[in-house]
């Protein structure tokens, strides 16, 4: 099991209920596959330094988790096909 950190940005177009559903979905992917969510920090709405996908702001979420190496790959694949994602960044922590 490895420790990971993922920072992702949800589009400002998503309402609060949709944001909460997305956050829960990705926390559930970790736990359903035998991992644990160590911390989940909903940073909130922040302005971008420059426009991304014609957006000026987005909702930032930081999640630290422990899982097998294949879980971040599955999460990234799901994030690509989920509608309201702006950016994502995974980091393996030592």
PDB file of N, CA and C in Angstrom:
ATOM      1  N   UNK A   1       0.842  -1.183   0.000  1.00  0.00           N
ATOM      2  CA  UNK A   1       0.000   0.000   0.000  1.00  0.00           C
ATOM      3  C   UNK A   1       0.885   1.245   0.000  1.00  0.00           C
ATOM      4  N   UNK A   2       0.507   2.202  -0.824  1.00  0.00           N
ATOM      5  CA  UNK A   2       1.243   3.453  -0.946  1.00  0.00           C
ATOM      6  C   UNK A   2       0.377   4.609  -0.478  1.00  0.00           C
ATOM      7  N   UNK A   3       1.026   5.704  -0.107  1.00  0.00           N
ATOM      8  CA  UNK A   3       0.310   6.922   0.267  1.00  0.00           C
ATOM      9  C   UNK A   3       0.306   7.864  -0.933  1.00  0.00           C
ATOM     10  N   UNK A   4      -0.858   8.472  -1.173  1.00  0.00           N
ATOM     11  CA  UNK A   4      -1.031   9.383  -2.301  1.00  0.00           C
ATOM     12  C   UNK A   4      -1.716  10.662  -1.838  1.00  0.00           C
ATOM     13  N   UNK A   5      -1.522  11.689  -2.654  1.00  0.00           N
ATOM     14  CA  UNK A   5      -2.225  12.950  -2.462  1.00  0.00           C
ATOM     15  C   UNK A   5      -2.787  13.339  -3.818  1.00  0.00           C
ATOM     16  N   UNK A   6      -4.044  13.720  -3.842  1.00  0.00           N
ATOM     17  CA  UNK A   6      -4.649  14.192  -5.082  1.00  0.00           C
ATOM     18  C   UNK A   6      -5.292  15.548  -4.811  1.00  0.00           C
ATOM     19  N   UNK A   7      -4.991  16.496  -5.689  1.00  0.00           N
ATOM     20  CA  UNK A   7      -5.620  17.801  -5.665  1.00  0.00           C
ATOM     21  C   UNK A   7      -6.420  17.904  -6.955  1.00  0.00           C
ATOM     22  N   UNK A   8      -7.714  18.155  -6.818  1.00  0.00           N
ATOM     23  CA  UNK A   8      -8.507  18.321  -8.035  1.00  0.00           C
ATOM     24  C   UNK A   8      -9.406  19.529  -7.926  1.00  0.00           C
ATOM     25  N   UNK A   9      -9.780  20.044  -9.094  1.00  0.00           N
ATOM     26  CA  UNK A   9     -10.602  21.248  -9.184  1.00  0.00           C
ATOM     27  C   UNK A   9     -11.898  20.884  -9.889  1.00  0.00           C
ATOM     28  N   UNK A  10     -13.004  21.223  -9.239  1.00  0.00           N
ATOM     29  CA  UNK A  10     -14.332  21.010  -9.806  1.00  0.00           C
ATOM     30  C   UNK A  10     -14.807  22.346 -10.368  1.00  0.00           C
ATOM     31  N   UNK A  11     -15.407  22.318 -11.520  1.00  0.00           N
ATOM     32  CA  UNK A  11     -15.875  23.527 -12.200  1.00  0.00           C
ATOM     33  C   UNK A  11     -16.844  24.329 -11.332  1.00  0.00           C
ATOM     34  N   UNK A  12     -16.793  25.633 -11.473  1.00  0.00           N
ATOM     35  CA  UNK A  12     -17.708  26.513 -10.735  1.00  0.00           C
ATOM     36  C   UNK A  12     -19.147  26.372 -11.235  1.00  0.00           C
ATOM     37  N   UNK A  13     -19.340  25.712 -12.379  1.00  0.00           N
ATOM     38  CA  UNK A  13     -20.689  25.484 -12.902  1.00  0.00           C
ATOM     39  C   UNK A  13     -21.457  24.443 -12.093  1.00  0.00           C
ATOM     40  N   UNK A  14     -20.756  23.597 -11.361  1.00  0.00           N
ATOM     41  CA  UNK A  14     -21.401  22.536 -10.582  1.00  0.00           C
ATOM     42  C   UNK A  14     -22.015  23.140  -9.321  1.00  0.00           C
ATOM     43  N   UNK A  15     -23.267  22.768  -9.043  1.00  0.00           N
ATOM     44  CA  UNK A  15     -23.895  23.250  -7.814  1.00  0.00           C
ATOM     45  C   UNK A  15     -23.366  22.457  -6.619  1.00  0.00           C
ATOM     46  N   UNK A  16     -23.751  22.864  -5.398  1.00  0.00           N
ATOM     47  CA  UNK A  16     -23.207  22.251  -4.187  1.00  0.00           C
ATOM     48  C   UNK A  16     -23.530  20.764  -4.090  1.00  0.00           C
ATOM     49  N   UNK A  17     -24.726  20.383  -4.464  1.00  0.00           N
ATOM     50  CA  UNK A  17     -25.121  18.979  -4.402  1.00  0.00           C
ATOM     51  C   UNK A  17     -24.281  18.128  -5.364  1.00  0.00           C
ATOM     52  N   UNK A  18     -24.031  18.638  -6.549  1.00  0.00           N
ATOM     53  CA  UNK A  18     -23.205  17.931  -7.531  1.00  0.00           C
ATOM     54  C   UNK A  18     -21.768  17.811  -7.050  1.00  0.00           C
ATOM     55  N   UNK A  19     -21.229  18.903  -6.474  1.00  0.00           N
ATOM     56  CA  UNK A  19     -19.863  18.866  -5.932  1.00  0.00           C
ATOM     57  C   UNK A  19     -19.730  17.803  -4.848  1.00  0.00           C
ATOM     58  N   UNK A  20     -20.685  17.759  -3.930  1.00  0.00           N
ATOM     59  CA  UNK A  20     -20.635  16.781  -2.843  1.00  0.00           C
ATOM     60  C   UNK A  20     -20.713  15.349  -3.387  1.00  0.00           C
ATOM     61  N   UNK A  21     -21.520  15.143  -4.417  1.00  0.00           N
ATOM     62  CA  UNK A  21     -21.639  13.814  -5.028  1.00  0.00           C
ATOM     63  C   UNK A  21     -20.319  13.403  -5.681  1.00  0.00           C
ATOM     64  N   UNK A  22     -19.651  14.329  -6.338  1.00  0.00           N
ATOM     65  CA  UNK A  22     -18.361  14.035  -6.983  1.00  0.00           C
ATOM     66  C   UNK A  22     -17.307  13.710  -5.929  1.00  0.00           C
ATOM     67  N   UNK A  23     -17.250  14.500  -4.868  1.00  0.00           N
ATOM     68  CA  UNK A  23     -16.268  14.270  -3.802  1.00  0.00           C
ATOM     69  C   UNK A  23     -16.500  12.907  -3.165  1.00  0.00           C
ATOM     70  N   UNK A  24     -17.754  12.570  -2.892  1.00  0.00           N
ATOM     71  CA  UNK A  24     -18.092  11.278  -2.296  1.00  0.00           C
ATOM     72  C   UNK A  24     -17.737  10.132  -3.247  1.00  0.00           C
ATOM     73  N   UNK A  25     -18.000  10.326  -4.535  1.00  0.00           N
ATOM     74  CA  UNK A  25     -17.710   9.281  -5.519  1.00  0.00           C
ATOM     75  C   UNK A  25     -16.239   8.883  -5.497  1.00  0.00           C
ATOM     76  N   UNK A  26     -15.341   9.866  -5.443  1.00  0.00           N
ATOM     77  CA  UNK A  26     -13.917   9.553  -5.503  1.00  0.00           C
ATOM     78  C   UNK A  26     -13.370   9.059  -4.166  1.00  0.00           C
ATOM     79  N   UNK A  27     -13.968   9.474  -3.071  1.00  0.00           N
ATOM     80  CA  UNK A  27     -13.598   8.885  -1.782  1.00  0.00           C
ATOM     81  C   UNK A  27     -14.066   7.433  -1.723  1.00  0.00           C
ATOM     82  N   UNK A  28     -15.237   7.151  -2.291  1.00  0.00           N
ATOM     83  CA  UNK A  28     -15.772   5.788  -2.310  1.00  0.00           C
ATOM     84  C   UNK A  28     -14.952   4.856  -3.201  1.00  0.00           C
ATOM     85  N   UNK A  29     -14.371   5.378  -4.280  1.00  0.00           N
ATOM     86  CA  UNK A  29     -13.513   4.551  -5.140  1.00  0.00           C
ATOM     87  C   UNK A  29     -12.346   4.019  -4.326  1.00  0.00           C
ATOM     88  N   UNK A  30     -11.769   4.857  -3.478  1.00  0.00           N
ATOM     89  CA  UNK A  30     -10.636   4.437  -2.651  1.00  0.00           C
ATOM     90  C   UNK A  30     -11.076   3.379  -1.648  1.00  0.00           C
ATOM     91  N   UNK A  31     -12.142   3.658  -0.908  1.00  0.00           N
ATOM     92  CA  UNK A  31     -12.561   2.735   0.151  1.00  0.00           C
ATOM     93  C   UNK A  31     -13.129   1.430  -0.398  1.00  0.00           C
ATOM     94  N   UNK A  32     -13.793   1.473  -1.539  1.00  0.00           N
ATOM     95  CA  UNK A  32     -14.372   0.261  -2.120  1.00  0.00           C
ATOM     96  C   UNK A  32     -13.301  -0.712  -2.610  1.00  0.00           C
ATOM     97  N   UNK A  33     -12.116  -0.204  -2.889  1.00  0.00           N
ATOM     98  CA  UNK A  33     -11.024  -1.046  -3.383  1.00  0.00           C
ATOM     99  C   UNK A  33      -9.987  -1.346  -2.310  1.00  0.00           C
ATOM    100  N   UNK A  34     -10.373  -1.249  -1.050  1.00  0.00           N
ATOM    101  CA  UNK A  34      -9.497  -1.638   0.048  1.00  0.00           C
ATOM    102  C   UNK A  34      -8.557  -0.566   0.552  1.00  0.00           C
ATOM    103  N   UNK A  35      -8.696   0.648   0.095  1.00  0.00           N
ATOM    104  CA  UNK A  35      -7.845   1.744   0.559  1.00  0.00           C
ATOM    105  C   UNK A  35      -8.509   2.514   1.685  1.00  0.00           C
ATOM    106  N   UNK A  36      -7.802   3.497   2.199  1.00  0.00           N
ATOM    107  CA  UNK A  36      -8.357   4.356   3.241  1.00  0.00           C
ATOM    108  C   UNK A  36      -8.145   5.816   2.865  1.00  0.00           C
ATOM    109  N   UNK A  37      -9.141   6.641   3.151  1.00  0.00           N
ATOM    110  CA  UNK A  37      -9.024   8.083   2.956  1.00  0.00           C
ATOM    111  C   UNK A  37      -8.492   8.647   4.265  1.00  0.00           C
ATOM    112  N   UNK A  38      -7.284   9.189   4.246  1.00  0.00           N
ATOM    113  CA  UNK A  38      -6.655   9.713   5.461  1.00  0.00           C
ATOM    114  C   UNK A  38      -7.191  11.098   5.796  1.00  0.00           C
ATOM    115  N   UNK A  39      -7.186  12.000   4.835  1.00  0.00           N
ATOM    116  CA  UNK A  39      -7.760  13.335   5.030  1.00  0.00           C
ATOM    117  C   UNK A  39      -8.491  13.747   3.770  1.00  0.00           C
ATOM    118  N   UNK A  40      -9.536  14.531   3.958  1.00  0.00           N
ATOM    119  CA  UNK A  40     -10.295  15.080   2.839  1.00  0.00           C
ATOM    120  C   UNK A  40     -10.564  16.536   3.164  1.00  0.00           C
ATOM    121  N   UNK A  41      -9.912  17.430   2.457  1.00  0.00           N
ATOM    122  CA  UNK A  41      -9.999  18.857   2.731  1.00  0.00           C
ATOM    123  C   UNK A  41     -10.699  19.553   1.566  1.00  0.00           C
ATOM    124  N   UNK A  42     -11.873  20.082   1.833  1.00  0.00           N
ATOM    125  CA  UNK A  42     -12.606  20.864   0.829  1.00  0.00           C
ATOM    126  C   UNK A  42     -12.136  22.304   0.968  1.00  0.00           C
ATOM    127  N   UNK A  43     -11.178  22.685   0.154  1.00  0.00           N
ATOM    128  CA  UNK A  43     -10.552  24.002   0.263  1.00  0.00           C
ATOM    129  C   UNK A  43     -11.540  25.102  -0.104  1.00  0.00           C
ATOM    130  N   UNK A  44     -12.348  24.864  -1.111  1.00  0.00           N
ATOM    131  CA  UNK A  44     -13.371  25.837  -1.478  1.00  0.00           C
ATOM    132  C   UNK A  44     -13.115  26.499  -2.816  1.00  0.00           C
ATOM    133  N   UNK A  45     -13.928  27.513  -3.099  1.00  0.00           N
ATOM    134  CA  UNK A  45     -13.877  28.231  -4.367  1.00  0.00           C
ATOM    135  C   UNK A  45     -12.696  29.204  -4.372  1.00  0.00           C
ATOM    136  N   UNK A  46     -11.863  29.103  -5.402  1.00  0.00           N
ATOM    137  CA  UNK A  46     -10.700  29.974  -5.556  1.00  0.00           C
ATOM    138  C   UNK A  46     -10.636  30.496  -6.983  1.00  0.00           C
ATOM    139  N   UNK A  47     -10.125  31.718  -7.128  1.00  0.00           N
ATOM    140  CA  UNK A  47      -9.911  32.282  -8.460  1.00  0.00           C
ATOM    141  C   UNK A  47      -8.642  31.694  -9.055  1.00  0.00           C
ATOM    142  N   UNK A  48      -8.671  31.476 -10.371  1.00  0.00           N
ATOM    143  CA  UNK A  48      -7.498  30.978 -11.088  1.00  0.00           C
ATOM    144  C   UNK A  48      -6.563  32.141 -11.420  1.00  0.00           C
ATOM    145  N   UNK A  49      -5.288  31.827 -11.568  1.00  0.00           N
ATOM    146  CA  UNK A  49      -4.314  32.838 -11.980  1.00  0.00           C
ATOM    147  C   UNK A  49      -4.528  33.215 -13.445  1.00  0.00           C
ATOM    148  N   UNK A  50      -5.066  32.279 -14.215  1.00  0.00           N
ATOM    149  CA  UNK A  50      -5.365  32.512 -15.629  1.00  0.00           C
ATOM    150  C   UNK A  50      -6.580  31.652 -15.980  1.00  0.00           C
ATOM    151  N   UNK A  51      -7.328  32.010 -17.024  1.00  0.00           N
ATOM    152  CA  UNK A  51      -8.526  31.223 -17.377  1.00  0.00           C
ATOM    153  C   UNK A  51      -8.166  29.788 -17.768  1.00  0.00           C
ATOM    154  N   UNK A  52      -8.933  28.841 -17.263  1.00  0.00           N
ATOM    155  CA  UNK A  52      -8.787  27.431 -17.611  1.00  0.00           C
ATOM    156  C   UNK A  52     -10.127  26.965 -18.155  1.00  0.00           C
ATOM    157  N   UNK A  53     -10.134  26.484 -19.384  1.00  0.00           N
ATOM    158  CA  UNK A  53     -11.371  26.035 -20.035  1.00  0.00           C
ATOM    159  C   UNK A  53     -12.468  27.107 -19.944  1.00  0.00           C
ATOM    160  N   UNK A  54     -12.084  28.349 -20.196  1.00  0.00           N
ATOM    161  CA  UNK A  54     -12.981  29.502 -20.157  1.00  0.00           C
ATOM    162  C   UNK A  54     -13.626  29.724 -18.795  1.00  0.00           C
ATOM    163  N   UNK A  55     -12.980  29.266 -17.728  1.00  0.00           N
ATOM    164  CA  UNK A  55     -13.473  29.463 -16.362  1.00  0.00           C
ATOM    165  C   UNK A  55     -12.511  30.378 -15.616  1.00  0.00           C
ATOM    166  N   UNK A  56     -13.028  31.148 -14.684  1.00  0.00           N
ATOM    167  CA  UNK A  56     -12.208  32.054 -13.885  1.00  0.00           C
ATOM    168  C   UNK A  56     -11.969  31.543 -12.472  1.00  0.00           C
ATOM    169  N   UNK A  57     -12.798  30.568 -12.014  1.00  0.00           N
ATOM    170  CA  UNK A  57     -12.651  30.030 -10.668  1.00  0.00           C
ATOM    171  C   UNK A  57     -13.127  28.592 -10.612  1.00  0.00           C
ATOM    172  N   UNK A  58     -12.741  27.905  -9.546  1.00  0.00           N
ATOM    173  CA  UNK A  58     -13.134  26.516  -9.375  1.00  0.00           C
ATOM    174  C   UNK A  58     -13.082  26.117  -7.909  1.00  0.00           C
ATOM    175  N   UNK A  59     -13.672  24.977  -7.582  1.00  0.00           N
ATOM    176  CA  UNK A  59     -13.737  24.455  -6.221  1.00  0.00           C
ATOM    177  C   UNK A  59     -12.606  23.448  -6.040  1.00  0.00           C
ATOM    178  N   UNK A  60     -11.693  23.732  -5.117  1.00  0.00           N
ATOM    179  CA  UNK A  60     -10.512  22.899  -4.888  1.00  0.00           C
ATOM    180  C   UNK A  60     -10.779  21.860  -3.801  1.00  0.00           C
ATOM    181  N   UNK A  61     -10.306  20.629  -4.040  1.00  0.00           N
ATOM    182  CA  UNK A  61     -10.415  19.542  -3.070  1.00  0.00           C
ATOM    183  C   UNK A  61      -9.055  18.855  -2.973  1.00  0.00           C
ATOM    184  N   UNK A  62      -8.585  18.636  -1.736  1.00  0.00           N
ATOM    185  CA  UNK A  62      -7.324  17.950  -1.488  1.00  0.00           C
ATOM    186  C   UNK A  62      -7.626  16.692  -0.685  1.00  0.00           C
ATOM    187  N   UNK A  63      -7.216  15.531  -1.219  1.00  0.00           N
ATOM    188  CA  UNK A  63      -7.471  14.261  -0.540  1.00  0.00           C
ATOM    189  C   UNK A  63      -6.164  13.484  -0.413  1.00  0.00           C
ATOM    190  N   UNK A  64      -5.862  13.046   0.804  1.00  0.00           N
ATOM    191  CA  UNK A  64      -4.741  12.154   1.068  1.00  0.00           C
ATOM    192  C   UNK A  64      -5.310  10.775   1.321  1.00  0.00           C
ATOM    193  N   UNK A  65      -4.730   9.763   0.693  1.00  0.00           N
ATOM    194  CA  UNK A  65      -5.267   8.418   0.847  1.00  0.00           C
ATOM    195  C   UNK A  65      -4.163   7.382   0.737  1.00  0.00           C
ATOM    196  N   UNK A  66      -4.466   6.181   1.237  1.00  0.00           N
ATOM    197  CA  UNK A  66      -3.563   5.046   1.167  1.00  0.00           C
ATOM    198  C   UNK A  66      -4.249   3.964   0.357  1.00  0.00           C
ATOM    199  N   UNK A  67      -3.556   3.437  -0.657  1.00  0.00           N
ATOM    200  CA  UNK A  67      -4.194   2.428  -1.509  1.00  0.00           C
ATOM    201  C   UNK A  67      -3.143   1.665  -2.304  1.00  0.00           C
ATOM    202  N   UNK A  68      -3.628   0.711  -3.068  1.00  0.00           N
ATOM    203  CA  UNK A  68      -2.791  -0.012  -4.022  1.00  0.00           C
ATOM    204  C   UNK A  68      -2.456   0.908  -5.190  1.00  0.00           C
ATOM    205  N   UNK A  69      -1.384   0.645  -5.926  1.00  0.00           N
ATOM    206  CA  UNK A  69      -0.980   1.525  -7.028  1.00  0.00           C
ATOM    207  C   UNK A  69      -1.981   1.638  -8.173  1.00  0.00           C
ATOM    208  N   UNK A  70      -2.900   0.692  -8.308  1.00  0.00           N
ATOM    209  CA  UNK A  70      -3.842   0.758  -9.414  1.00  0.00           C
ATOM    210  C   UNK A  70      -5.029   1.691  -9.151  1.00  0.00           C
ATOM    211  N   UNK A  71      -5.260   2.073  -7.914  1.00  0.00           N
ATOM    212  CA  UNK A  71      -6.401   2.941  -7.583  1.00  0.00           C
ATOM    213  C   UNK A  71      -6.239   4.354  -8.159  1.00  0.00           C
ATOM    214  N   UNK A  72      -5.067   5.010  -8.027  1.00  0.00           N
ATOM    215  CA  UNK A  72      -4.938   6.334  -8.659  1.00  0.00           C
ATOM    216  C   UNK A  72      -5.158   6.295 -10.165  1.00  0.00           C
ATOM    217  N   UNK A  73      -4.754   5.216 -10.811  1.00  0.00           N
ATOM    218  CA  UNK A  73      -4.989   5.096 -12.255  1.00  0.00           C
ATOM    219  C   UNK A  73      -6.482   5.017 -12.555  1.00  0.00           C
ATOM    220  N   UNK A  74      -7.207   4.241 -11.752  1.00  0.00           N
ATOM    221  CA  UNK A  74      -8.658   4.135 -11.930  1.00  0.00           C
ATOM    222  C   UNK A  74      -9.339   5.477 -11.653  1.00  0.00           C
ATOM    223  N   UNK A  75      -8.896   6.174 -10.613  1.00  0.00           N
ATOM    224  CA  UNK A  75      -9.475   7.483 -10.302  1.00  0.00           C
ATOM    225  C   UNK A  75      -9.241   8.467 -11.441  1.00  0.00           C
ATOM    226  N   UNK A  76      -8.028   8.456 -11.984  1.00  0.00           N
ATOM    227  CA  UNK A  76      -7.722   9.380 -13.079  1.00  0.00           C
ATOM    228  C   UNK A  76      -8.587   9.088 -14.300  1.00  0.00           C
ATOM    229  N   UNK A  77      -8.792   7.811 -14.576  1.00  0.00           N
ATOM    230  CA  UNK A  77      -9.647   7.431 -15.703  1.00  0.00           C
ATOM    231  C   UNK A  77     -11.081   7.920 -15.484  1.00  0.00           C
ATOM    232  N   UNK A  78     -11.589   7.764 -14.260  1.00  0.00           N
ATOM    233  CA  UNK A  78     -12.942   8.226 -13.947  1.00  0.00           C
ATOM    234  C   UNK A  78     -13.047   9.750 -14.005  1.00  0.00           C
ATOM    235  N   UNK A  79     -11.990  10.440 -13.591  1.00  0.00           N
ATOM    236  CA  UNK A  79     -11.997  11.909 -13.621  1.00  0.00           C
ATOM    237  C   UNK A  79     -12.042  12.432 -15.046  1.00  0.00           C
ATOM    238  N   UNK A  80     -11.407  11.716 -15.972  1.00  0.00           N
ATOM    239  CA  UNK A  80     -11.431  12.153 -17.376  1.00  0.00           C
ATOM    240  C   UNK A  80     -12.832  12.112 -17.967  1.00  0.00           C
ATOM    241  N   UNK A  81     -13.669  11.177 -17.495  1.00  0.00           N
ATOM    242  CA  UNK A  81     -15.004  11.046 -18.079  1.00  0.00           C
ATOM    243  C   UNK A  81     -16.097  11.694 -17.235  1.00  0.00           C
ATOM    244  N   UNK A  82     -15.732  12.259 -16.076  1.00  0.00           N
ATOM    245  CA  UNK A  82     -16.701  12.964 -15.240  1.00  0.00           C
ATOM    246  C   UNK A  82     -16.809  14.397 -15.732  1.00  0.00           C
ATOM    247  N   UNK A  83     -18.021  14.902 -15.786  1.00  0.00           N
ATOM    248  CA  UNK A  83     -18.300  16.154 -16.484  1.00  0.00           C
ATOM    249  C   UNK A  83     -17.633  17.405 -15.911  1.00  0.00           C
ATOM    250  N   UNK A  84     -17.610  17.606 -14.621  1.00  0.00           N
ATOM    251  CA  UNK A  84     -17.257  18.910 -14.066  1.00  0.00           C
ATOM    252  C   UNK A  84     -15.801  19.057 -13.626  1.00  0.00           C
ATOM    253  N   UNK A  85     -14.886  18.213 -14.102  1.00  0.00           N
ATOM    254  CA  UNK A  85     -13.492  18.324 -13.691  1.00  0.00           C
ATOM    255  C   UNK A  85     -12.752  19.334 -14.550  1.00  0.00           C
ATOM    256  N   UNK A  86     -11.960  20.183 -13.890  1.00  0.00           N
ATOM    257  CA  UNK A  86     -11.144  21.171 -14.582  1.00  0.00           C
ATOM    258  C   UNK A  86      -9.692  20.697 -14.643  1.00  0.00           C
ATOM    259  N   UNK A  87      -9.126  20.335 -13.472  1.00  0.00           N
ATOM    260  CA  UNK A  87      -7.747  19.863 -13.387  1.00  0.00           C
ATOM    261  C   UNK A  87      -7.634  18.827 -12.274  1.00  0.00           C
ATOM    262  N   UNK A  88      -6.559  18.020 -12.343  1.00  0.00           N
ATOM    263  CA  UNK A  88      -6.260  17.030 -11.307  1.00  0.00           C
ATOM    264  C   UNK A  88      -4.763  16.821 -11.255  1.00  0.00           C
ATOM    265  N   UNK A  89      -4.255  16.485 -10.062  1.00  0.00           N
ATOM    266  CA  UNK A  89      -2.835  16.212  -9.913  1.00  0.00           C
ATOM    267  C   UNK A  89      -2.653  15.175  -8.805  1.00  0.00           C
ATOM    268  N   UNK A  90      -2.029  14.049  -9.161  1.00  0.00           N
ATOM    269  CA  UNK A  90      -1.746  12.989  -8.204  1.00  0.00           C
ATOM    270  C   UNK A  90      -0.267  13.038  -7.839  1.00  0.00           C
ATOM    271  N   UNK A  91       0.016  12.800  -6.556  1.00  0.00           N
ATOM    272  CA  UNK A  91       1.387  12.734  -6.078  1.00  0.00           C
ATOM    273  C   UNK A  91       1.518  11.516  -5.183  1.00  0.00           C
ATOM    274  N   UNK A  92       2.541  10.700  -5.423  1.00  0.00           N
ATOM    275  CA  UNK A  92       2.832   9.592  -4.524  1.00  0.00           C
ATOM    276  C   UNK A  92       3.763  10.105  -3.438  1.00  0.00           C
ATOM    277  N   UNK A  93       3.350   9.939  -2.196  1.00  0.00           N
ATOM    278  CA  UNK A  93       4.147  10.403  -1.066  1.00  0.00           C
ATOM    279  C   UNK A  93       5.015   9.269  -0.551  1.00  0.00           C
ATOM    280  N   UNK A  94       6.243   9.599  -0.168  1.00  0.00           N
ATOM    281  CA  UNK A  94       7.145   8.572   0.364  1.00  0.00           C
ATOM    282  C   UNK A  94       7.016   8.478   1.863  1.00  0.00           C
TER     283      UNK A  94
END
